[in-house]
Amino acid sequence: MIRKEIVLPAERDEVWDALTDAERLEDWFANDVELDLRPGGGASFRWANGEERHAVVTEVDPERRLAFDWEDEGTVEFTLDDDADGTRLVVVESSPAWSTALELQACAFAVV
């Protein structure tokens, strides 16, 4: 398991939107995103290089927690908490797909 904590200089609702709104995810994670944000809902992520990954949403607690299981393997869990400097995002995943992308998103939040 990989556990990563990132403090983003943004309000929790903004971070939640960046993690759950398909258009926002297309800005920083994958080129094409479909996300049914409810337990049991599907998620599809497609990249320009032809890679495609699918997942099933397992948990949704708005602005606090999001989790899903990758179809091919593993899980990813996001937990959001208030922090004096913005929002503390904890990501626990069984594969590192989100870690690098989240670090890039943290930079984007810092610049805006």
C-alpha atoms as a PDB file:
ATOM      1  CA  MET A   1       0.000   0.000   0.000  1.00  0.00           C
ATOM      2  CA  ILE A   2       1.083   3.524  -0.770  1.00  0.00           C
ATOM      3  CA  ARG A   3      -0.021   6.295   1.589  1.00  0.00           C
ATOM      4  CA  LYS A   4       0.491   9.909   0.621  1.00  0.00           C
ATOM      5  CA  GLU A   5      -0.523  13.128   2.388  1.00  0.00           C
ATOM      6  CA  ILE A   6      -0.736  16.383   0.473  1.00  0.00           C
ATOM      7  CA  VAL A   7      -1.842  19.767   1.799  1.00  0.00           C
ATOM      8  CA  LEU A   8      -3.538  21.711  -0.965  1.00  0.00           C
ATOM      9  CA  PRO A   9      -3.955  25.489  -0.603  1.00  0.00           C
ATOM     10  CA  ALA A  10      -7.676  25.280  -1.412  1.00  0.00           C
ATOM     11  CA  GLU A  11     -10.977  24.844   0.398  1.00  0.00           C
ATOM     12  CA  ARG A  12     -12.250  21.297   0.865  1.00  0.00           C
ATOM     13  CA  ASP A  13     -15.186  21.768  -1.543  1.00  0.00           C
ATOM     14  CA  GLU A  14     -12.792  22.832  -4.298  1.00  0.00           C
ATOM     15  CA  VAL A  15     -10.546  19.811  -3.722  1.00  0.00           C
ATOM     16  CA  TRP A  16     -13.616  17.543  -3.677  1.00  0.00           C
ATOM     17  CA  ASP A  17     -14.726  18.968  -7.023  1.00  0.00           C
ATOM     18  CA  ALA A  18     -11.260  18.396  -8.491  1.00  0.00           C
ATOM     19  CA  LEU A  19     -11.507  14.720  -7.444  1.00  0.00           C
ATOM     20  CA  THR A  20     -15.116  14.062  -8.430  1.00  0.00           C
ATOM     21  CA  ASP A  21     -16.120  16.309 -11.336  1.00  0.00           C
ATOM     22  CA  ALA A  22     -15.366  14.565 -14.646  1.00  0.00           C
ATOM     23  CA  GLU A  23     -14.429  17.817 -16.406  1.00  0.00           C
ATOM     24  CA  ARG A  24     -12.037  18.804 -13.620  1.00  0.00           C
ATOM     25  CA  LEU A  25     -10.467  15.319 -13.659  1.00  0.00           C
ATOM     26  CA  GLU A  26      -9.938  15.714 -17.398  1.00  0.00           C
ATOM     27  CA  ASP A  27      -7.914  18.859 -16.646  1.00  0.00           C
ATOM     28  CA  TRP A  28      -5.304  17.020 -14.595  1.00  0.00           C
ATOM     29  CA  PHE A  29      -5.682  13.241 -14.468  1.00  0.00           C
ATOM     30  CA  ALA A  30      -7.026  11.593 -17.643  1.00  0.00           C
ATOM     31  CA  ASN A  31      -8.099  12.849 -21.064  1.00  0.00           C
ATOM     32  CA  ASP A  32     -11.602  11.370 -20.890  1.00  0.00           C
ATOM     33  CA  VAL A  33     -13.426  10.616 -17.624  1.00  0.00           C
ATOM     34  CA  GLU A  34     -16.810   9.105 -16.839  1.00  0.00           C
ATOM     35  CA  LEU A  35     -17.745   8.923 -13.153  1.00  0.00           C
ATOM     36  CA  ASP A  36     -20.996   7.786 -11.555  1.00  0.00           C
ATOM     37  CA  LEU A  37     -20.500   9.213  -8.069  1.00  0.00           C
ATOM     38  CA  ARG A  38     -22.476   6.744  -5.957  1.00  0.00           C
ATOM     39  CA  PRO A  39     -21.584   3.429  -4.319  1.00  0.00           C
ATOM     40  CA  GLY A  40     -21.684   0.800  -7.043  1.00  0.00           C
ATOM     41  CA  GLY A  41     -21.290   3.451  -9.755  1.00  0.00           C
ATOM     42  CA  GLY A  42     -18.790   3.003 -12.524  1.00  0.00           C
ATOM     43  CA  ALA A  43     -15.715   5.031 -13.370  1.00  0.00           C
ATOM     44  CA  SER A  44     -13.743   5.054 -16.620  1.00  0.00           C
ATOM     45  CA  PHE A  45     -10.472   6.866 -17.241  1.00  0.00           C
ATOM     46  CA  ARG A  46      -8.923   7.114 -20.716  1.00  0.00           C
ATOM     47  CA  TRP A  47      -5.587   8.658 -21.671  1.00  0.00           C
ATOM     48  CA  ALA A  48      -4.279   9.985 -24.993  1.00  0.00           C
ATOM     49  CA  ASN A  49      -1.864   7.052 -25.290  1.00  0.00           C
ATOM     50  CA  GLY A  50      -4.813   4.623 -25.503  1.00  0.00           C
ATOM     51  CA  GLU A  51      -4.592   3.387 -21.909  1.00  0.00           C
ATOM     52  CA  GLU A  52      -7.969   2.855 -20.265  1.00  0.00           C
ATOM     53  CA  ARG A  53      -8.811   1.878 -16.688  1.00  0.00           C
ATOM     54  CA  HIS A  54     -12.151   1.106 -15.090  1.00  0.00           C
ATOM     55  CA  ALA A  55     -13.268   1.161 -11.468  1.00  0.00           C
ATOM     56  CA  VAL A  56     -16.314   0.790  -9.254  1.00  0.00           C
ATOM     57  CA  VAL A  57     -17.062   3.466  -6.649  1.00  0.00           C
ATOM     58  CA  THR A  58     -17.247   1.830  -3.206  1.00  0.00           C
ATOM     59  CA  GLU A  59     -17.673   4.795  -0.861  1.00  0.00           C
ATOM     60  CA  VAL A  60     -18.814   8.411  -1.123  1.00  0.00           C
ATOM     61  CA  ASP A  61     -18.996  10.818   1.813  1.00  0.00           C
ATOM     62  CA  PRO A  62     -19.172  14.233   0.114  1.00  0.00           C
ATOM     63  CA  GLU A  63     -16.176  16.489   0.796  1.00  0.00           C
ATOM     64  CA  ARG A  64     -14.766  13.889   3.210  1.00  0.00           C
ATOM     65  CA  ARG A  65     -14.113  10.489   1.616  1.00  0.00           C
ATOM     66  CA  LEU A  66     -14.109   8.759  -1.768  1.00  0.00           C
ATOM     67  CA  ALA A  67     -13.016   5.208  -2.521  1.00  0.00           C
ATOM     68  CA  PHE A  68     -13.111   2.852  -5.444  1.00  0.00           C
ATOM     69  CA  ASP A  69     -11.844  -0.505  -6.633  1.00  0.00           C
ATOM     70  CA  TRP A  70      -9.938  -0.715  -9.886  1.00  0.00           C
ATOM     71  CA  GLU A  71     -11.340  -3.343 -12.254  1.00  0.00           C
ATOM     72  CA  ASP A  72      -7.898  -4.719 -13.069  1.00  0.00           C
ATOM     73  CA  GLU A  73      -6.473  -4.556  -9.558  1.00  0.00           C
ATOM     74  CA  GLY A  74      -6.317  -2.625  -6.344  1.00  0.00           C
ATOM     75  CA  THR A  75      -8.076   0.192  -4.601  1.00  0.00           C
ATOM     76  CA  VAL A  76      -7.721   3.904  -4.015  1.00  0.00           C
ATOM     77  CA  GLU A  77      -9.129   5.874  -1.069  1.00  0.00           C
ATOM     78  CA  PHE A  78      -9.184   9.655  -0.675  1.00  0.00           C
ATOM     79  CA  THR A  79      -9.788  11.335   2.684  1.00  0.00           C
ATOM     80  CA  LEU A  80     -10.115  15.121   2.958  1.00  0.00           C
ATOM     81  CA  ASP A  81      -9.692  17.102   6.174  1.00  0.00           C
ATOM     82  CA  ASP A  82      -9.426  20.804   6.936  1.00  0.00           C
ATOM     83  CA  ASP A  83      -5.903  22.088   7.489  1.00  0.00           C
ATOM     84  CA  ALA A  84      -4.637  25.502   8.563  1.00  0.00           C
ATOM     85  CA  ASP A  85      -3.097  25.841   5.085  1.00  0.00           C
ATOM     86  CA  GLY A  86      -6.123  24.565   3.132  1.00  0.00           C
ATOM     87  CA  THR A  87      -7.138  20.924   2.773  1.00  0.00           C
ATOM     88  CA  ARG A  88      -5.193  17.854   3.830  1.00  0.00           C
ATOM     89  CA  LEU A  89      -5.721  15.084   1.292  1.00  0.00           C
ATOM     90  CA  VAL A  90      -4.695  11.565   2.266  1.00  0.00           C
ATOM     91  CA  VAL A  91      -4.489   9.042  -0.562  1.00  0.00           C
ATOM     92  CA  VAL A  92      -4.125   5.332   0.145  1.00  0.00           C
ATOM     93  CA  GLU A  93      -3.712   3.185  -2.935  1.00  0.00           C
ATOM     94  CA  SER A  94      -2.462  -0.189  -3.960  1.00  0.00           C
ATOM     95  CA  SER A  95      -0.876   1.183  -7.151  1.00  0.00           C
ATOM     96  CA  PRO A  96       0.755   4.598  -7.686  1.00  0.00           C
ATOM     97  CA  ALA A  97      -1.539   5.902 -10.444  1.00  0.00           C
ATOM     98  CA  TRP A  98      -2.801   8.898  -8.435  1.00  0.00           C
ATOM     99  CA  SER A  99       0.321   9.961  -6.522  1.00  0.00           C
ATOM    100  CA  THR A 100       2.214  11.752  -9.277  1.00  0.00           C
ATOM    101  CA  ALA A 101      -0.954  13.284 -10.712  1.00  0.00           C
ATOM    102  CA  LEU A 102      -1.954  14.617  -7.288  1.00  0.00           C
ATOM    103  CA  GLU A 103       1.449  16.218  -6.801  1.00  0.00           C
ATOM    104  CA  LEU A 104       0.980  17.997 -10.138  1.00  0.00           C
ATOM    105  CA  GLN A 105      -2.509  19.110  -9.067  1.00  0.00           C
ATOM    106  CA  ALA A 106      -1.056  20.438  -5.797  1.00  0.00           C
ATOM    107  CA  CYS A 107       1.293  22.608  -7.850  1.00  0.00           C
ATOM    108  CA  ALA A 108      -1.614  23.853  -9.947  1.00  0.00           C
ATOM    109  CA  PHE A 109      -3.609  24.805  -6.829  1.00  0.00           C
ATOM    110  CA  ALA A 110      -0.581  26.678  -5.481  1.00  0.00           C
ATOM    111  CA  VAL A 111      -0.205  28.733  -8.658  1.00  0.00           C
ATOM    112  CA  VAL A 112      -3.900  29.706  -8.987  1.00  0.00           C
END
